[in-house]
Amino acid sequence: MTGYLLGNGHEAGVLSGDIPQHKRLRLLESFQRGELPILVATDVAARGLHIADVTHVINFDLPQDREDYVHRIGRTARVGASGDAISFACEEYVYSLPEIEDFIGQKISALPVTEELLLEFKPPKRLDHRRPPSGGERTRNRTPRRRPART
């Protein structure tokens, strides 16, 4: 997702389990200061984050657990604030919607995805999450050597 945002001119950062802690903290601080407008987080990486003034939460899948849904969208309603939560649901995940609605005590408006809502987009920008070598480590690009063929 982040690659598509970056490839289409939207500044975004990503939080996932394989991002080093120092980079996670730097991204969170940048997002909280408003310098980074979009922060994409995996479900596990987003747990425990308390960020004020989140205006939009977009779920690219509808959580299968009703409490997970409330936890995710609650990021837009910290300390009485309000915001918008949008969830996409495919034919498989939409079956959890009635249970979520029962849990929160209200109906969630649902709209089909139509051609007018679909955009043409540029290819994603490739992301590199590999950790840079630390301190005294050296890296070399090595070309595999081929053994001569036996005759």
N, C-alpha and C. Protein backbone atom coordinates (compact mmCIF):
# COMPACT_ATOMS: atom_id res chain seq x y z
N MET A 1 0.82 -1.19 0.00
CA MET A 1 0.00 0.00 0.00
C MET A 1 0.86 1.25 0.00
N THR A 2 1.87 1.30 0.87
CA THR A 2 2.72 2.49 0.95
C THR A 2 3.42 2.74 -0.37
N GLY A 3 3.85 1.69 -1.03
CA GLY A 3 4.51 1.84 -2.33
C GLY A 3 3.62 2.52 -3.35
N TYR A 4 2.33 2.17 -3.36
CA TYR A 4 1.39 2.81 -4.28
C TYR A 4 1.17 4.27 -3.92
N LEU A 5 1.09 4.57 -2.63
CA LEU A 5 0.94 5.97 -2.22
C LEU A 5 2.14 6.79 -2.67
N LEU A 6 3.35 6.31 -2.39
CA LEU A 6 4.56 7.01 -2.79
C LEU A 6 4.68 7.13 -4.30
N GLY A 7 4.36 6.05 -5.00
CA GLY A 7 4.45 6.06 -6.46
C GLY A 7 3.47 6.99 -7.13
N ASN A 8 2.46 7.41 -6.39
CA ASN A 8 1.44 8.30 -6.94
C ASN A 8 1.47 9.68 -6.30
N GLY A 9 2.62 10.03 -5.72
CA GLY A 9 2.84 11.39 -5.25
C GLY A 9 2.33 11.72 -3.86
N HIS A 10 2.01 10.71 -3.05
CA HIS A 10 1.55 10.95 -1.69
C HIS A 10 2.66 10.59 -0.71
N GLU A 11 3.03 11.52 0.15
CA GLU A 11 4.07 11.25 1.13
C GLU A 11 3.49 10.37 2.23
N ALA A 12 4.13 9.25 2.50
CA ALA A 12 3.63 8.29 3.48
C ALA A 12 4.77 7.53 4.11
N GLY A 13 4.53 7.06 5.32
CA GLY A 13 5.48 6.20 6.02
C GLY A 13 4.78 4.90 6.36
N VAL A 14 5.56 3.88 6.68
CA VAL A 14 4.97 2.58 7.01
C VAL A 14 5.54 2.06 8.32
N LEU A 15 4.64 1.52 9.15
CA LEU A 15 5.03 0.85 10.38
C LEU A 15 4.66 -0.62 10.26
N SER A 16 5.63 -1.46 10.38
CA SER A 16 5.37 -2.89 10.38
C SER A 16 6.37 -3.54 11.33
N GLY A 17 6.20 -4.80 11.57
CA GLY A 17 7.05 -5.50 12.53
C GLY A 17 8.51 -5.54 12.16
N ASP A 18 8.84 -5.38 10.87
CA ASP A 18 10.24 -5.48 10.47
C ASP A 18 10.95 -4.12 10.37
N ILE A 19 10.29 -3.06 10.81
CA ILE A 19 10.91 -1.73 10.82
C ILE A 19 11.68 -1.57 12.13
N PRO A 20 12.96 -1.17 12.06
CA PRO A 20 13.74 -0.99 13.29
C PRO A 20 13.10 0.04 14.22
N GLN A 21 13.25 -0.16 15.53
CA GLN A 21 12.61 0.69 16.53
C GLN A 21 12.94 2.16 16.37
N HIS A 22 14.19 2.50 16.10
CA HIS A 22 14.56 3.91 15.96
C HIS A 22 13.83 4.56 14.78
N LYS A 23 13.64 3.81 13.72
CA LYS A 23 12.91 4.35 12.56
C LYS A 23 11.42 4.46 12.88
N ARG A 24 10.87 3.50 13.60
CA ARG A 24 9.45 3.57 14.02
C ARG A 24 9.21 4.84 14.82
N LEU A 25 10.08 5.12 15.79
CA LEU A 25 9.92 6.31 16.63
C LEU A 25 10.03 7.59 15.81
N ARG A 26 10.96 7.62 14.87
CA ARG A 26 11.13 8.79 14.01
C ARG A 26 9.88 9.01 13.15
N LEU A 27 9.32 7.93 12.59
CA LEU A 27 8.10 8.04 11.79
C LEU A 27 6.92 8.53 12.62
N LEU A 28 6.75 7.96 13.81
CA LEU A 28 5.66 8.38 14.69
C LEU A 28 5.77 9.85 15.06
N GLU A 29 6.96 10.29 15.40
CA GLU A 29 7.15 11.70 15.76
C GLU A 29 6.84 12.61 14.58
N SER A 30 7.28 12.23 13.40
CA SER A 30 7.02 13.01 12.20
C SER A 30 5.52 13.07 11.90
N PHE A 31 4.82 11.97 12.08
CA PHE A 31 3.36 11.93 11.87
C PHE A 31 2.65 12.79 12.91
N GLN A 32 3.05 12.69 14.16
CA GLN A 32 2.42 13.45 15.22
C GLN A 32 2.63 14.96 15.06
N ARG A 33 3.76 15.36 14.51
CA ARG A 33 4.03 16.78 14.27
C ARG A 33 3.32 17.29 13.01
N GLY A 34 2.72 16.39 12.24
CA GLY A 34 2.04 16.80 11.01
C GLY A 34 2.96 16.90 9.81
N GLU A 35 4.21 16.49 9.96
CA GLU A 35 5.17 16.55 8.85
C GLU A 35 4.95 15.39 7.87
N LEU A 36 4.46 14.28 8.36
CA LEU A 36 4.17 13.11 7.54
C LEU A 36 2.65 12.97 7.52
N PRO A 37 2.02 13.20 6.36
CA PRO A 37 0.55 13.23 6.33
C PRO A 37 -0.13 11.87 6.40
N ILE A 38 0.56 10.81 5.97
CA ILE A 38 -0.06 9.48 5.93
C ILE A 38 0.86 8.48 6.59
N LEU A 39 0.28 7.69 7.50
CA LEU A 39 1.04 6.63 8.16
C LEU A 39 0.28 5.32 7.95
N VAL A 40 0.91 4.38 7.29
CA VAL A 40 0.33 3.06 7.04
C VAL A 40 0.91 2.12 8.09
N ALA A 41 0.02 1.41 8.79
CA ALA A 41 0.48 0.51 9.84
C ALA A 41 -0.19 -0.84 9.71
N THR A 42 0.58 -1.90 9.88
CA THR A 42 -0.01 -3.22 9.93
C THR A 42 -0.80 -3.33 11.23
N ASP A 43 -1.70 -4.27 11.29
CA ASP A 43 -2.55 -4.43 12.46
C ASP A 43 -1.73 -4.59 13.74
N VAL A 44 -0.71 -5.41 13.68
CA VAL A 44 0.12 -5.66 14.86
C VAL A 44 0.93 -4.42 15.22
N ALA A 45 1.51 -3.75 14.22
CA ALA A 45 2.33 -2.56 14.49
C ALA A 45 1.51 -1.41 15.04
N ALA A 46 0.22 -1.35 14.72
CA ALA A 46 -0.63 -0.24 15.17
C ALA A 46 -1.10 -0.40 16.61
N ARG A 47 -1.02 -1.59 17.15
CA ARG A 47 -1.49 -1.81 18.52
C ARG A 47 -0.69 -0.97 19.51
N GLY A 48 -1.41 -0.35 20.42
CA GLY A 48 -0.77 0.41 21.47
C GLY A 48 -0.37 1.82 21.07
N LEU A 49 -0.61 2.22 19.83
CA LEU A 49 -0.28 3.58 19.42
C LEU A 49 -1.36 4.54 19.91
N HIS A 50 -0.96 5.60 20.53
CA HIS A 50 -1.90 6.63 20.98
C HIS A 50 -1.47 7.94 20.32
N ILE A 51 -2.16 8.28 19.26
CA ILE A 51 -1.80 9.46 18.47
C ILE A 51 -3.01 10.39 18.46
N ALA A 52 -2.81 11.61 18.89
CA ALA A 52 -3.90 12.59 18.92
C ALA A 52 -4.18 13.12 17.51
N ASP A 53 -5.41 13.56 17.31
CA ASP A 53 -5.82 14.26 16.09
C ASP A 53 -5.74 13.43 14.81
N VAL A 54 -5.97 12.14 14.89
CA VAL A 54 -6.07 11.32 13.68
C VAL A 54 -7.45 11.59 13.08
N THR A 55 -7.48 12.04 11.84
CA THR A 55 -8.75 12.42 11.22
C THR A 55 -9.39 11.30 10.41
N HIS A 56 -8.56 10.37 9.92
CA HIS A 56 -9.08 9.29 9.08
C HIS A 56 -8.36 7.99 9.40
N VAL A 57 -9.12 6.92 9.47
CA VAL A 57 -8.57 5.57 9.56
C VAL A 57 -9.17 4.80 8.39
N ILE A 58 -8.32 4.18 7.60
CA ILE A 58 -8.79 3.39 6.47
C ILE A 58 -8.33 1.96 6.68
N ASN A 59 -9.29 1.06 6.79
CA ASN A 59 -9.00 -0.36 6.93
C ASN A 59 -9.09 -1.01 5.56
N PHE A 60 -8.02 -1.63 5.12
CA PHE A 60 -8.05 -2.27 3.81
C PHE A 60 -8.61 -3.69 3.89
N ASP A 61 -9.03 -4.05 5.08
CA ASP A 61 -9.82 -5.26 5.26
C ASP A 61 -10.72 -5.02 6.46
N LEU A 62 -11.87 -5.62 6.46
CA LEU A 62 -12.79 -5.49 7.58
C LEU A 62 -12.34 -6.47 8.65
N PRO A 63 -12.01 -5.97 9.85
CA PRO A 63 -11.56 -6.90 10.90
C PRO A 63 -12.61 -7.99 11.15
N GLN A 64 -12.16 -9.18 11.42
CA GLN A 64 -13.06 -10.29 11.69
C GLN A 64 -13.49 -10.34 13.14
N ASP A 65 -12.83 -9.59 13.98
CA ASP A 65 -13.19 -9.53 15.39
C ASP A 65 -13.78 -8.16 15.68
N ARG A 66 -14.94 -8.12 16.27
CA ARG A 66 -15.65 -6.86 16.50
C ARG A 66 -14.86 -5.90 17.39
N GLU A 67 -14.15 -6.43 18.38
CA GLU A 67 -13.35 -5.56 19.24
C GLU A 67 -12.15 -4.98 18.49
N ASP A 68 -11.59 -5.73 17.54
CA ASP A 68 -10.51 -5.20 16.70
C ASP A 68 -11.01 -4.02 15.87
N TYR A 69 -12.25 -4.13 15.38
CA TYR A 69 -12.83 -3.04 14.60
C TYR A 69 -12.91 -1.78 15.45
N VAL A 70 -13.45 -1.90 16.65
CA VAL A 70 -13.60 -0.74 17.54
C VAL A 70 -12.22 -0.18 17.89
N HIS A 71 -11.26 -1.06 18.12
CA HIS A 71 -9.90 -0.62 18.45
C HIS A 71 -9.30 0.18 17.30
N ARG A 72 -9.47 -0.31 16.08
CA ARG A 72 -8.89 0.38 14.91
C ARG A 72 -9.54 1.75 14.68
N ILE A 73 -10.86 1.79 14.63
CA ILE A 73 -11.51 3.06 14.30
C ILE A 73 -11.47 4.04 15.46
N GLY A 74 -11.25 3.55 16.66
CA GLY A 74 -11.18 4.42 17.82
C GLY A 74 -10.05 5.42 17.76
N ARG A 75 -9.10 5.23 16.89
CA ARG A 75 -7.99 6.18 16.75
C ARG A 75 -8.48 7.54 16.29
N THR A 76 -9.67 7.61 15.67
CA THR A 76 -10.20 8.89 15.22
C THR A 76 -11.02 9.58 16.31
N ALA A 77 -11.22 8.95 17.45
CA ALA A 77 -12.10 9.51 18.48
C ALA A 77 -11.42 9.63 19.83
N ARG A 78 -10.15 9.91 19.85
CA ARG A 78 -9.43 10.06 21.11
C ARG A 78 -9.89 11.33 21.82
N VAL A 79 -10.16 11.24 23.08
CA VAL A 79 -10.53 12.34 23.95
C VAL A 79 -11.64 13.20 23.33
N GLY A 80 -12.69 12.55 22.88
CA GLY A 80 -13.86 13.26 22.37
C GLY A 80 -13.72 13.81 20.97
N ALA A 81 -12.60 13.61 20.31
CA ALA A 81 -12.43 14.09 18.94
C ALA A 81 -13.27 13.23 18.00
N SER A 82 -13.41 13.67 16.78
CA SER A 82 -14.15 12.87 15.80
C SER A 82 -13.32 12.73 14.54
N GLY A 83 -13.69 11.79 13.74
CA GLY A 83 -12.99 11.56 12.49
C GLY A 83 -13.78 10.57 11.65
N ASP A 84 -13.21 10.18 10.55
CA ASP A 84 -13.86 9.25 9.63
C ASP A 84 -13.11 7.93 9.60
N ALA A 85 -13.87 6.85 9.59
CA ALA A 85 -13.28 5.51 9.46
C ALA A 85 -13.92 4.86 8.24
N ILE A 86 -13.07 4.38 7.36
CA ILE A 86 -13.53 3.71 6.14
C ILE A 86 -12.93 2.31 6.14
N SER A 87 -13.77 1.31 5.91
CA SER A 87 -13.29 -0.07 5.85
C SER A 87 -13.72 -0.68 4.53
N PHE A 88 -12.80 -1.39 3.91
CA PHE A 88 -13.13 -2.13 2.70
C PHE A 88 -13.43 -3.56 3.10
N ALA A 89 -14.42 -4.14 2.48
CA ALA A 89 -14.80 -5.52 2.80
C ALA A 89 -15.02 -6.30 1.51
N CYS A 90 -14.35 -7.41 1.39
CA CYS A 90 -14.53 -8.28 0.24
C CYS A 90 -15.66 -9.27 0.55
N GLU A 91 -15.94 -10.12 -0.42
CA GLU A 91 -17.01 -11.10 -0.26
C GLU A 91 -16.78 -12.03 0.93
N GLU A 92 -15.53 -12.26 1.29
CA GLU A 92 -15.22 -13.16 2.39
C GLU A 92 -15.34 -12.47 3.75
N TYR A 93 -14.77 -11.25 3.87
CA TYR A 93 -14.72 -10.58 5.16
C TYR A 93 -15.98 -9.83 5.54
N VAL A 94 -16.86 -9.56 4.60
CA VAL A 94 -18.07 -8.79 4.89
C VAL A 94 -18.99 -9.52 5.86
N TYR A 95 -18.81 -10.82 6.01
CA TYR A 95 -19.70 -11.60 6.89
C TYR A 95 -19.55 -11.23 8.36
N SER A 96 -18.49 -10.52 8.73
CA SER A 96 -18.35 -10.08 10.12
C SER A 96 -19.08 -8.76 10.38
N LEU A 97 -19.59 -8.11 9.35
CA LEU A 97 -20.25 -6.81 9.51
C LEU A 97 -21.45 -6.85 10.46
N PRO A 98 -22.38 -7.80 10.34
CA PRO A 98 -23.52 -7.80 11.28
C PRO A 98 -23.08 -7.95 12.75
N GLU A 99 -22.08 -8.75 13.01
CA GLU A 99 -21.59 -8.91 14.39
C GLU A 99 -20.99 -7.61 14.91
N ILE A 100 -20.26 -6.90 14.04
CA ILE A 100 -19.68 -5.61 14.43
C ILE A 100 -20.79 -4.61 14.71
N GLU A 101 -21.79 -4.56 13.85
CA GLU A 101 -22.91 -3.63 14.04
C GLU A 101 -23.66 -3.92 15.33
N ASP A 102 -23.88 -5.19 15.65
CA ASP A 102 -24.53 -5.55 16.91
C ASP A 102 -23.69 -5.07 18.11
N PHE A 103 -22.39 -5.24 18.01
CA PHE A 103 -21.49 -4.87 19.10
C PHE A 103 -21.48 -3.37 19.35
N ILE A 104 -21.45 -2.56 18.27
CA ILE A 104 -21.38 -1.10 18.45
C ILE A 104 -22.77 -0.47 18.57
N GLY A 105 -23.82 -1.25 18.33
CA GLY A 105 -25.18 -0.75 18.49
C GLY A 105 -25.64 0.22 17.43
N GLN A 106 -25.07 0.14 16.27
CA GLN A 106 -25.53 0.99 15.16
C GLN A 106 -25.19 0.36 13.82
N LYS A 107 -25.92 0.79 12.83
CA LYS A 107 -25.72 0.30 11.46
C LYS A 107 -24.57 1.07 10.83
N ILE A 108 -23.72 0.38 10.11
CA ILE A 108 -22.61 1.01 9.39
C ILE A 108 -23.05 1.14 7.94
N SER A 109 -22.97 2.35 7.42
CA SER A 109 -23.39 2.54 6.02
C SER A 109 -22.40 1.82 5.11
N ALA A 110 -22.96 1.18 4.09
CA ALA A 110 -22.14 0.42 3.14
C ALA A 110 -22.47 0.87 1.73
N LEU A 111 -21.43 1.02 0.94
CA LEU A 111 -21.59 1.43 -0.45
C LEU A 111 -20.80 0.47 -1.33
N PRO A 112 -21.33 0.15 -2.51
CA PRO A 112 -20.57 -0.69 -3.42
C PRO A 112 -19.46 0.12 -4.08
N VAL A 113 -18.41 -0.56 -4.49
CA VAL A 113 -17.35 0.09 -5.25
C VAL A 113 -17.80 0.14 -6.70
N THR A 114 -17.89 1.34 -7.24
CA THR A 114 -18.33 1.53 -8.62
C THR A 114 -17.16 1.99 -9.48
N GLU A 115 -17.34 1.95 -10.78
CA GLU A 115 -16.30 2.38 -11.71
C GLU A 115 -15.86 3.82 -11.45
N GLU A 116 -16.81 4.69 -11.06
CA GLU A 116 -16.48 6.09 -10.82
C GLU A 116 -15.50 6.26 -9.66
N LEU A 117 -15.51 5.33 -8.73
CA LEU A 117 -14.63 5.41 -7.57
C LEU A 117 -13.22 4.89 -7.85
N LEU A 118 -13.07 4.15 -8.92
CA LEU A 118 -11.78 3.55 -9.24
C LEU A 118 -10.92 4.53 -10.04
N LEU A 119 -9.69 4.65 -9.68
CA LEU A 119 -8.77 5.57 -10.34
C LEU A 119 -7.68 4.82 -11.07
N GLU A 120 -7.14 5.46 -12.09
CA GLU A 120 -5.92 4.95 -12.72
C GLU A 120 -4.77 5.37 -11.82
N PHE A 121 -3.83 4.50 -11.59
CA PHE A 121 -2.71 4.86 -10.73
C PHE A 121 -1.42 4.40 -11.35
N LYS A 122 -0.36 5.05 -10.93
CA LYS A 122 0.98 4.72 -11.39
C LYS A 122 1.48 3.50 -10.62
N PRO A 123 2.50 2.83 -11.13
CA PRO A 123 3.05 1.67 -10.40
C PRO A 123 3.62 2.08 -9.05
N PRO A 124 3.69 1.13 -8.13
CA PRO A 124 4.22 1.45 -6.80
C PRO A 124 5.71 1.74 -6.83
N LYS A 125 6.13 2.53 -5.87
CA LYS A 125 7.56 2.77 -5.66
C LYS A 125 8.07 1.61 -4.82
N ARG A 126 9.19 1.08 -5.18
CA ARG A 126 9.76 -0.05 -4.45
C ARG A 126 10.30 0.42 -3.10
N LEU A 127 9.93 -0.29 -2.05
CA LEU A 127 10.39 0.03 -0.70
C LEU A 127 11.49 -0.93 -0.29
N ASP A 128 12.47 -0.43 0.42
CA ASP A 128 13.55 -1.27 0.92
C ASP A 128 13.57 -1.16 2.44
N HIS A 129 13.14 -2.21 3.12
CA HIS A 129 13.08 -2.20 4.58
C HIS A 129 14.27 -2.87 5.23
N ARG A 130 15.26 -3.24 4.41
CA ARG A 130 16.42 -3.90 5.01
C ARG A 130 17.15 -2.96 5.94
N ARG A 131 17.66 -3.53 7.02
CA ARG A 131 18.42 -2.72 7.98
C ARG A 131 19.80 -2.44 7.41
N PRO A 132 20.28 -1.21 7.58
CA PRO A 132 21.63 -0.91 7.12
C PRO A 132 22.63 -1.63 8.02
N PRO A 133 23.83 -1.89 7.51
CA PRO A 133 24.82 -2.55 8.35
C PRO A 133 25.16 -1.68 9.55
N SER A 134 25.38 -2.31 10.69
CA SER A 134 25.71 -1.55 11.89
C SER A 134 27.22 -1.42 12.02
N GLY A 135 27.63 -0.46 12.81
CA GLY A 135 29.02 -0.22 13.19
C GLY A 135 30.08 -0.76 12.27
N GLY A 136 30.74 -1.84 12.71
CA GLY A 136 31.89 -2.34 11.99
C GLY A 136 31.60 -3.36 10.92
N GLU A 137 30.34 -3.62 10.65
CA GLU A 137 30.05 -4.63 9.63
C GLU A 137 30.32 -4.07 8.24
N ARG A 138 30.82 -4.91 7.38
CA ARG A 138 31.05 -4.52 6.00
C ARG A 138 30.22 -5.42 5.12
N THR A 139 29.77 -4.84 4.04
CA THR A 139 29.01 -5.64 3.09
C THR A 139 29.72 -5.58 1.75
N ARG A 140 29.58 -6.65 1.00
CA ARG A 140 30.15 -6.70 -0.35
C ARG A 140 29.13 -7.33 -1.26
N ASN A 141 29.05 -6.79 -2.43
CA ASN A 141 28.24 -7.44 -3.45
C ASN A 141 29.12 -8.51 -4.06
N ARG A 142 28.67 -9.73 -3.98
CA ARG A 142 29.46 -10.84 -4.50
C ARG A 142 28.73 -11.47 -5.66
N THR A 143 29.48 -11.72 -6.67
CA THR A 143 28.93 -12.43 -7.82
C THR A 143 29.25 -13.90 -7.64
N PRO A 144 28.24 -14.76 -7.73
CA PRO A 144 28.55 -16.19 -7.56
C PRO A 144 29.51 -16.66 -8.65
N ARG A 145 30.43 -17.45 -8.22
CA ARG A 145 31.41 -17.99 -9.18
C ARG A 145 30.85 -19.27 -9.79
N ARG A 146 31.10 -19.40 -11.05
CA ARG A 146 30.66 -20.61 -11.73
C ARG A 146 31.81 -21.59 -11.80
N ARG A 147 31.48 -22.81 -11.56
CA ARG A 147 32.50 -23.84 -11.70
C ARG A 147 32.65 -24.20 -13.18
N PRO A 148 33.86 -24.47 -13.58
CA PRO A 148 34.04 -24.87 -15.00
C PRO A 148 33.35 -26.22 -15.22
N ALA A 149 32.80 -26.36 -16.36
CA ALA A 149 32.14 -27.61 -16.70
C ALA A 149 33.18 -28.71 -16.86
N ARG A 150 32.84 -29.89 -16.35
CA ARG A 150 33.74 -31.04 -16.50
C ARG A 150 33.48 -31.71 -17.83
N THR A 151 34.55 -32.10 -18.47
CA THR A 151 34.38 -32.80 -19.75
C THR A 151 34.89 -34.20 -19.69
